[in-house]
Protein backbone atom coordinates (compact mmCIF):
# COMPACT_ATOMS: atom_id res chain seq x y z
CA MET A 1 3.04 35.02 -15.41
CA PRO A 2 2.78 35.71 -11.75
CA LYS A 3 6.03 34.98 -9.81
CA PHE A 4 4.10 32.42 -7.05
CA LEU A 5 2.94 30.70 -10.73
CA ALA A 6 6.43 30.30 -12.58
CA ILE A 7 7.85 29.08 -8.61
CA PHE A 8 5.11 26.15 -8.56
CA LEU A 9 5.33 25.26 -12.47
CA ARG A 10 9.22 24.94 -11.90
CA ARG A 11 8.47 22.08 -9.78
CA LEU A 12 6.47 20.06 -12.16
CA THR A 13 7.43 19.00 -15.77
CA GLY A 14 5.89 18.33 -19.40
CA ALA A 15 1.88 16.89 -19.07
CA THR A 16 2.08 17.83 -15.00
CA ALA A 17 3.20 21.64 -15.73
CA CYS A 18 0.38 21.58 -18.84
CA ALA A 19 -2.38 20.43 -16.26
CA CYS A 20 -1.59 22.66 -13.26
CA MET A 21 -2.30 25.45 -15.52
CA ALA A 22 -5.98 25.65 -15.51
CA LEU A 23 -4.91 26.25 -11.73
CA ALA A 24 -3.29 29.38 -11.67
CA ILE A 25 -5.76 31.15 -9.72
CA LEU A 26 -4.58 29.19 -6.95
CA PRO A 27 -1.43 30.13 -4.95
CA PRO A 28 0.94 27.41 -4.03
CA ALA A 29 0.24 27.68 -0.52
CA LEU A 30 -3.77 27.04 -1.15
CA LEU A 31 -2.69 24.22 -3.86
CA ARG A 32 -1.08 21.99 -1.02
CA ALA A 33 -3.64 23.05 1.29
CA GLN A 34 -5.64 21.04 -1.52
CA ASN A 35 -3.48 18.15 -1.42
CA ASP A 36 -1.76 19.18 -4.67
CA ILE A 37 1.60 17.91 -3.87
CA PRO A 38 4.18 18.12 -6.88
CA PRO A 39 4.81 14.83 -8.13
CA ARG A 40 8.85 14.38 -6.69
CA GLU A 41 7.58 15.46 -3.20
CA GLN A 42 4.65 12.73 -3.73
CA ALA A 43 7.45 10.27 -4.13
CA ALA A 44 8.68 11.11 -0.94
CA ILE A 45 5.61 10.89 1.32
CA ASP A 46 4.67 7.85 -0.61
CA LYS A 47 8.10 6.10 -0.05
CA ASP A 48 8.35 7.17 3.75
CA ILE A 49 4.87 5.76 4.37
CA SER A 50 5.74 2.08 2.52
CA ARG A 51 8.96 2.12 4.95
CA HIS A 52 6.78 3.00 8.38
CA PHE A 53 8.19 5.88 8.89
CA GLY A 54 4.87 7.39 9.37
CA SER A 55 1.61 8.30 7.28
CA ALA A 56 -0.16 11.30 5.83
CA PRO A 57 -3.84 10.60 5.69
CA ALA A 58 -6.14 13.00 3.59
CA ASP A 59 -8.20 13.07 6.97
CA PRO A 60 -6.56 12.89 10.13
CA GLY A 61 -9.07 14.39 11.79
CA PRO A 62 -9.71 17.32 13.88
CA ARG A 63 -6.95 19.07 15.89
CA ALA A 64 -6.59 18.59 19.27
CA LYS A 65 -8.52 20.87 21.66
CA ASN A 66 -7.73 19.97 25.22
CA LEU A 67 -3.86 21.05 25.58
CA SER A 68 -2.85 24.07 27.43
CA ALA A 69 0.36 25.85 25.70
CA ALA A 70 1.11 27.23 29.62
CA LEU A 71 4.42 26.80 30.92
CA LYS A 72 3.17 24.75 33.80
CA PRO A 73 4.44 21.03 34.80
CA ARG A 74 1.35 19.58 34.28
CA ALA A 75 0.23 21.10 31.34
CA VAL A 76 3.26 20.13 29.40
CA ARG A 77 3.06 16.69 30.66
CA LYS A 78 -0.17 16.10 29.28
CA ALA A 79 1.19 17.49 25.91
CA VAL A 80 4.17 15.24 25.65
CA ARG A 81 2.24 11.93 26.91
CA LYS A 82 -0.56 12.46 24.38
CA VAL A 83 2.34 12.62 21.19
CA ALA A 84 4.43 9.93 23.07
CA ASP A 85 1.31 7.33 23.67
CA TRP A 86 0.23 7.87 20.28
CA GLN A 87 3.41 6.99 18.72
CA LEU A 88 4.05 4.25 20.30
CA ARG A 89 0.95 2.75 19.34
CA GLN A 90 1.40 3.45 16.10
CA SER A 91 5.41 2.26 15.30
CA GLN A 92 6.30 -0.27 17.68
CA PRO A 93 5.33 -3.05 15.62
CA TYR A 94 7.80 -1.55 13.02
CA PHE A 95 10.82 -0.54 14.95
CA ASP A 96 14.24 -0.13 13.37
CA ARG A 97 17.23 0.87 13.08
CA ILE A 98 17.73 3.44 10.60
CA TRP A 99 18.27 7.16 11.85
CA THR A 100 14.18 7.83 11.33
CA TRP A 101 13.42 5.39 14.08
CA SER A 102 16.52 6.42 16.92
CA VAL A 103 15.38 9.60 16.62
CA MET A 104 12.66 8.87 17.90
CA TYR A 105 13.70 6.25 20.55
CA SER A 106 15.72 9.18 21.99
CA GLY A 107 12.85 10.95 22.45
CA PHE A 108 11.06 8.66 23.82
CA MET A 109 13.99 7.63 26.64
CA ALA A 110 13.64 11.47 27.04
CA ALA A 111 10.22 11.15 28.04
CA ALA A 112 10.78 8.25 29.68
CA ASP A 113 12.70 10.28 32.61
CA ALA A 114 11.09 13.60 32.39
CA LEU A 115 7.83 12.68 32.88
CA PRO A 116 8.56 9.99 34.30
CA GLU A 117 7.15 6.87 32.49
CA PRO A 118 8.76 3.73 32.64
CA ARG A 119 6.79 2.50 30.08
CA TYR A 120 8.40 4.27 26.82
CA ARG A 121 12.02 3.26 28.64
CA LYS A 122 10.65 -0.58 28.72
CA ALA A 123 9.80 -0.29 25.32
CA MET A 124 13.80 0.78 24.47
CA ASP A 125 15.32 -1.84 26.26
CA ASP A 126 12.74 -4.26 24.48
CA MET A 127 13.40 -2.50 21.34
CA ALA A 128 17.77 -3.11 22.15
CA ASN A 129 17.07 -6.42 23.15
CA GLY A 130 15.87 -7.27 20.11
CA PHE A 131 18.23 -5.93 17.74
CA HIS A 132 21.38 -7.30 20.56
CA TRP A 133 22.33 -3.95 21.12
CA GLN A 134 23.90 -4.05 17.23
CA LEU A 135 24.46 -0.97 15.29
CA ARG A 136 23.13 -1.11 11.92
CA SER A 137 26.71 -1.97 9.86
CA GLN A 138 30.28 -2.94 10.86
CA VAL A 139 31.68 0.46 9.59
CA PRO A 140 28.56 2.86 10.64
CA ASN A 141 28.28 6.45 8.72
CA ALA A 142 26.65 9.06 11.39
CA ASP A 143 23.10 7.64 10.59
CA ASP A 144 23.65 4.33 11.39
CA GLN A 145 25.74 5.28 14.79
CA SER A 146 22.87 7.75 16.10
CA ILE A 147 20.86 4.55 17.49
CA GLY A 148 23.83 4.09 19.40
CA GLN A 149 22.11 7.28 21.95
CA THR A 150 20.12 4.58 22.98
CA TYR A 151 22.13 2.13 23.84
CA LEU A 152 24.69 4.47 25.44
CA GLU A 153 21.60 5.68 27.68
CA LEU A 154 20.65 2.23 28.56
CA TYR A 155 24.05 0.80 29.66
CA LEU A 156 24.75 4.66 31.76
CA ARG A 157 21.54 3.40 34.15
CA ASN A 158 21.91 -0.99 34.03
CA SER A 159 26.13 -1.04 33.84
CA LYS A 160 25.56 -4.42 31.09
CA ALA A 161 28.75 -4.38 29.42
CA ASN A 162 26.55 -6.37 26.49
CA GLU A 163 24.31 -2.99 26.14
CA MET A 164 27.87 -1.45 25.35
CA GLU A 165 30.78 -3.54 23.69
CA PRO A 166 28.55 -3.63 20.10
CA THR A 167 28.30 0.24 20.01
CA LYS A 168 32.65 0.58 21.54
CA GLU A 169 33.36 -1.81 18.86
CA ALA A 170 31.91 0.21 15.93
CA LEU A 171 33.82 3.27 17.52
CA ASP A 172 37.10 1.94 17.99
CA ARG A 173 37.18 0.53 14.46
CA LEU A 174 36.53 3.97 13.14
CA LEU A 175 38.98 5.23 15.51
CA ALA A 176 41.66 2.39 14.20
CA GLY A 177 40.86 4.44 10.70
CA ALA A 178 38.17 2.40 9.08
CA ALA A 179 35.73 5.03 7.03
CA ALA A 180 32.21 4.28 5.91
CA LYS A 181 31.43 5.50 2.37
CA VAL A 182 31.10 8.99 1.36
CA PRO A 183 29.52 10.17 -2.05
CA ALA A 184 31.62 11.07 -4.85
CA ASN A 185 30.36 15.04 -4.58
CA GLN A 186 30.57 15.60 -1.34
CA ALA A 187 33.34 16.26 1.16
CA GLN A 188 35.39 13.28 1.82
CA ILE A 189 35.10 13.92 6.00
CA PRO A 190 33.59 11.38 7.91
CA TRP A 191 30.21 14.09 8.80
CA TRP A 192 29.87 16.17 5.60
CA TRP A 193 26.27 17.00 6.28
CA CYS A 194 24.86 18.73 8.71
CA ASP A 195 22.32 15.99 9.81
CA ALA A 196 25.44 14.12 11.08
CA LEU A 197 26.26 16.45 13.74
CA PHE A 198 22.84 15.29 15.56
CA MET A 199 23.71 11.83 14.84
CA ALA A 200 27.12 11.03 15.59
CA PRO A 201 28.76 13.27 18.12
CA PRO A 202 26.16 12.18 20.95
CA VAL A 203 27.06 8.76 20.65
CA TRP A 204 30.64 9.86 21.22
CA SER A 205 30.18 11.84 24.33
CA ARG A 206 27.85 9.07 25.51
CA MET A 207 30.67 6.46 25.25
CA TYR A 208 33.03 9.10 26.60
CA ALA A 209 30.68 9.03 29.94
CA SER A 210 30.51 5.52 29.46
CA THR A 211 33.79 5.10 29.55
CA GLN A 212 35.78 8.15 31.03
CA ASP A 213 38.37 7.81 27.58
CA ALA A 214 39.28 11.50 26.62
CA LYS A 215 39.76 9.77 23.13
CA TYR A 216 35.80 9.94 22.15
CA LEU A 217 35.47 13.08 23.06
CA ASP A 218 38.85 14.32 20.86
CA TYR A 219 37.79 12.48 17.93
CA VAL A 220 33.96 14.95 18.54
CA ASP A 221 35.96 18.12 18.31
CA GLN A 222 38.43 16.55 15.33
CA HIS A 223 35.07 15.81 12.84
CA TRP A 224 32.69 18.58 14.68
CA SER A 225 35.50 21.27 13.32
CA GLU A 226 36.11 20.19 10.02
CA THR A 227 32.14 20.19 9.25
CA SER A 228 32.12 23.87 11.08
CA LYS A 229 34.77 25.18 8.55
CA LEU A 230 33.13 23.92 5.76
CA LEU A 231 29.34 24.21 6.40
CA TYR A 232 28.58 26.80 9.02
CA ASP A 233 28.56 30.33 7.34
CA PRO A 234 30.17 32.82 9.99
CA GLU A 235 28.05 35.95 9.03
CA GLN A 236 24.62 34.05 8.81
CA HIS A 237 25.50 31.78 11.63
CA LEU A 238 23.58 29.09 10.04
CA PHE A 239 24.47 25.83 8.47
CA TYR A 240 24.54 24.86 5.14
CA ARG A 241 23.23 21.10 4.87
CA ASP A 242 25.98 20.01 2.70
CA VAL A 243 28.67 21.52 0.07
CA THR A 244 25.99 21.39 -2.70
CA PHE A 245 23.92 23.88 -1.14
CA LEU A 246 26.80 26.71 -0.81
CA GLN A 247 26.12 28.99 -4.01
CA ALA A 248 22.31 27.39 -4.17
CA LYS A 249 18.98 29.94 -4.36
CA GLU A 250 16.42 29.39 -3.21
CA PRO A 251 13.81 30.82 -5.91
CA ASN A 252 13.62 34.68 -3.79
CA GLY A 253 17.56 34.99 -3.97
CA GLU A 254 17.91 33.87 -0.65
CA PRO A 255 20.73 31.19 0.22
CA VAL A 256 19.21 27.55 0.84
CA PHE A 257 19.03 27.10 4.92
CA TRP A 258 16.69 23.95 5.89
CA SER A 259 15.08 24.38 9.39
CA ARG A 260 15.55 20.66 10.03
CA GLY A 261 19.40 21.20 9.02
CA GLU A 262 19.46 23.97 11.41
CA GLY A 263 17.29 21.92 14.14
CA TRP A 264 19.82 19.05 13.76
CA VAL A 265 22.96 20.65 14.62
CA MET A 266 21.57 23.23 17.40
CA ALA A 267 19.97 19.48 19.27
CA GLY A 268 23.35 18.08 18.37
CA ILE A 269 25.51 20.62 20.44
CA ALA A 270 22.78 19.97 23.11
CA ARG A 271 22.58 16.70 23.04
CA THR A 272 26.66 16.45 22.94
CA LEU A 273 27.09 18.88 25.83
CA ASP A 274 24.85 16.52 27.68
CA HIS A 275 27.65 14.29 28.24
CA MET A 276 30.68 16.62 27.85
CA PRO A 277 32.44 17.69 31.15
CA ALA A 278 32.28 21.36 32.09
CA ASP A 279 35.57 21.83 32.04
CA TRP A 280 36.62 19.94 28.69
CA LYS A 281 39.13 22.41 27.18
CA THR A 282 36.94 22.93 23.96
CA CYS A 283 33.42 22.71 25.38
CA ALA A 284 32.94 26.89 25.69
CA ARG A 285 33.45 26.42 21.40
CA TYR A 286 29.83 24.67 21.87
CA GLU A 287 28.37 27.28 23.53
CA GLN A 288 29.47 30.02 21.93
CA GLN A 289 28.26 27.89 18.59
CA LEU A 290 24.42 27.90 20.20
CA ARG A 291 24.05 31.10 21.42
CA GLU A 292 25.22 32.20 17.62
CA MET A 293 22.53 30.10 16.02
CA ALA A 294 20.24 30.58 18.75
CA GLU A 295 20.31 34.65 18.04
CA ALA A 296 20.07 33.89 14.46
CA VAL A 297 16.42 31.48 14.60
CA LYS A 298 15.28 33.87 16.94
CA LYS A 299 14.97 36.40 14.25
CA LEU A 300 13.26 34.19 12.01
CA GLN A 301 11.05 32.37 14.13
CA ASP A 302 7.51 33.42 12.51
CA PRO A 303 5.80 36.17 14.40
CA GLN A 304 2.18 34.07 13.77
CA SER A 305 2.65 30.16 14.20
CA GLY A 306 6.02 30.55 16.56
CA LEU A 307 7.49 28.07 14.22
CA TRP A 308 10.33 28.18 11.61
CA HIS A 309 9.47 27.24 8.02
CA ALA A 310 11.02 24.48 5.80
CA SER A 311 13.04 27.29 4.30
CA MET A 312 14.71 29.47 6.66
CA MET A 313 15.00 31.91 4.12
CA ASP A 314 11.73 32.12 2.06
CA ALA A 315 8.48 31.46 3.86
CA ALA A 316 6.65 32.89 0.67
CA ASP A 317 7.34 29.38 -1.20
CA TYR A 318 7.21 27.04 2.12
CA PRO A 319 4.32 28.84 3.89
CA GLN A 320 3.62 25.89 6.14
CA PRO A 321 5.01 25.57 9.50
CA GLU A 322 7.75 22.50 9.61
CA THR A 323 7.54 20.84 12.96
CA SER A 324 10.65 18.46 13.42
CA GLY A 325 13.41 21.37 12.26
CA SER A 326 10.58 23.51 14.66
CA ALA A 327 10.86 21.06 17.43
CA LEU A 328 14.64 20.52 17.58
CA MET A 329 15.62 23.98 17.57
CA THR A 330 12.57 24.18 20.77
CA PHE A 331 14.81 21.17 22.43
CA ALA A 332 17.73 23.21 21.85
CA LEU A 333 16.73 26.68 23.39
CA ALA A 334 15.03 25.41 26.22
CA TRP A 335 18.01 23.04 26.67
CA GLY A 336 20.78 26.41 26.39
CA ILE A 337 17.86 28.17 28.96
CA ASN A 338 18.06 24.93 31.17
CA HIS A 339 21.92 24.26 31.30
CA GLY A 340 22.45 28.26 31.46
CA VAL A 341 24.16 28.82 28.24
CA LEU A 342 20.98 31.00 26.99
CA SER A 343 19.72 34.11 28.56
CA ARG A 344 16.09 32.77 30.31
CA ALA A 345 14.86 36.60 30.02
CA GLU A 346 15.73 36.40 26.18
CA TYR A 347 14.92 32.81 24.94
CA GLU A 348 11.77 31.87 27.16
CA PRO A 349 9.69 33.88 25.05
CA VAL A 350 11.07 32.15 22.13
CA VAL A 351 10.41 29.32 23.54
CA ALA A 352 6.87 29.39 25.03
CA LYS A 353 6.12 30.74 21.67
CA ALA A 354 7.33 27.97 19.98
CA TRP A 355 5.95 25.33 22.12
CA ARG A 356 2.54 26.75 21.77
CA GLY A 357 2.47 26.21 17.65
CA LEU A 358 3.79 23.17 18.27
CA LEU A 359 0.63 22.23 20.43
CA GLY A 360 -1.24 23.82 17.52
CA GLU A 361 -0.29 20.92 15.06
CA VAL A 362 -1.21 17.99 17.25
CA TYR A 363 -4.29 16.35 16.19
CA ALA A 364 -6.92 15.20 18.71
CA ASP A 365 -5.65 11.48 18.48
CA GLY A 366 -2.54 12.63 19.37
CA ARG A 367 -0.92 12.70 15.40
CA LEU A 368 1.67 15.69 15.38
CA GLY A 369 1.28 16.83 11.75
CA ASN A 370 3.39 19.34 9.89
CA ILE A 371 6.39 17.33 9.28
CA GLN A 372 8.38 17.29 6.31
CA GLN A 373 8.88 13.98 4.44
CA THR A 374 12.48 12.35 4.70
CA GLY A 375 14.98 14.53 2.45
CA SER A 376 17.89 17.14 1.85
CA ALA A 377 16.56 20.18 1.38
CA PRO A 378 13.58 22.35 2.21
CA ALA A 379 10.34 20.37 0.59
CA HIS A 380 6.82 20.65 0.66
CA TYR A 381 4.17 18.27 2.77
CA LEU A 382 0.58 17.38 4.08
CA PRO A 383 -0.47 19.16 7.17
CA SER A 384 -1.39 15.51 8.61
CA SER A 385 2.01 14.25 7.89
CA SER A 386 4.47 12.66 10.48
CA TYR A 387 6.90 10.79 10.84
CA THR A 388 8.98 9.11 13.64
CA TYR A 389 11.85 11.52 13.68
CA GLY A 390 9.69 14.60 14.22
CA VAL A 391 8.12 12.91 16.97
CA GLY A 392 11.09 12.28 18.23
CA GLY A 393 12.26 15.87 17.85
CA PHE A 394 9.05 16.93 19.87
CA LEU A 395 9.62 14.59 22.52
CA LEU A 396 12.92 15.95 23.52
CA ALA A 397 11.69 19.21 23.06
CA GLY A 398 9.23 18.80 25.99
CA SER A 399 11.69 17.07 28.12
CA GLU A 400 13.10 20.14 28.03
CA VAL A 401 10.15 22.48 28.58
CA LEU A 402 8.89 20.68 31.22
CA GLU A 403 12.57 21.29 33.11
CA LEU A 404 11.79 25.00 32.12
CA SER A 405 8.56 24.64 34.00
CA GLU A 406 9.81 22.65 36.74
CA HIS A 407 12.77 24.84 37.19
CA ALA A 408 10.99 28.59 37.10
CA HIS A 409 12.57 29.85 39.57
CA HIS A 410 16.36 28.28 39.24
CA SER A 411 19.14 30.33 37.57
CA HIS A 412 19.82 26.62 35.75
CA LEU A 413 20.56 22.76 36.21
CA PRO A 414 24.38 21.04 36.68
CA ARG A 415 26.10 20.03 34.10
CA SER A 416 28.14 17.34 33.27
CA GLY A 417 30.62 16.80 36.25
CA SER A 418 34.62 17.51 35.60
CA MET A 419 37.59 15.19 33.75
CA PRO A 420 39.07 13.40 35.91
CA GLN A 421 42.23 14.10 37.59
């Protein structure tokens, strides 16, 4: 049996597998192009659509023809605005506090400042007021903390106590020993999955910025360190998604490194450093990890599309570009250049190629496609698949690419200030 067929049929069972034997002459890439998604993955797509995370229509229309990938401010603004406007129209009636939405909110906040576009910030302010600035749970895990990034960014602008206090109370409960439930098969630590490094640490660094209390940064250091020791591969310089993947292999025998997972971590480093003082005792540690990961993902960038595949190590089984992970990595790389952590000469070509690839996934109406549905590992999806969190990553990326284009002749942007004496 051909290898590609064996791989495909391993994803199916029973009658479904038998029925697919008739399609044996077609490789997986073509099967997926014809919208033949394995049942388990189709069920995940359907679930995400039912929860209003996004959509995956059979006919999304043509791709956008009027966007330029040039790293020029006007061109970047046009692309960011096109995607942001479409997403706001689609999603505003369904705003929620789950992580899938909070990542999008972070993107809107970044775009609001970068373009600038006050409509996006007003939408975020209205959202926060509608939820009374409350997190999703009383003892929140990292996912449920993530909306606090937007709350605290609004607080840092407005200085209204009611915008900060609910998040502060929740974080203080965690500092006092409260703990969210962890699955039994996972490491019994707060940030047991790599996605958490995007969801939670930027909240804590923003709480430090809001209070000037170093205990919030100490918490980040403690728990980032334990997650990194457990899930960061010191040779590959990539993160496993969680402990269940430490020995897992792709069909080609390579370890399972999920592009969105790598994006979560790299973007999490950047967003944490955004509000961590440049002279904080462990700042250099985060910068070094970003440099190591940047070097690793640079080598794995697809030379044709400029993007990354759902599986970092198995492009043959996951041939489509994946835009949520790619956007998050593009954001982190551009942030690193802008803030003097990464070499402009070395990484601007990587960012330029990735930005071009991302714009190639934008449809004429502003839909951003090729976003993998929610999950915890590489999976297959439709070219039209668009979900809130992936667009959030795109808006973050676009905001940093805009900074890159506007400061083409500057060495880097200033970092956060010093610790209080």
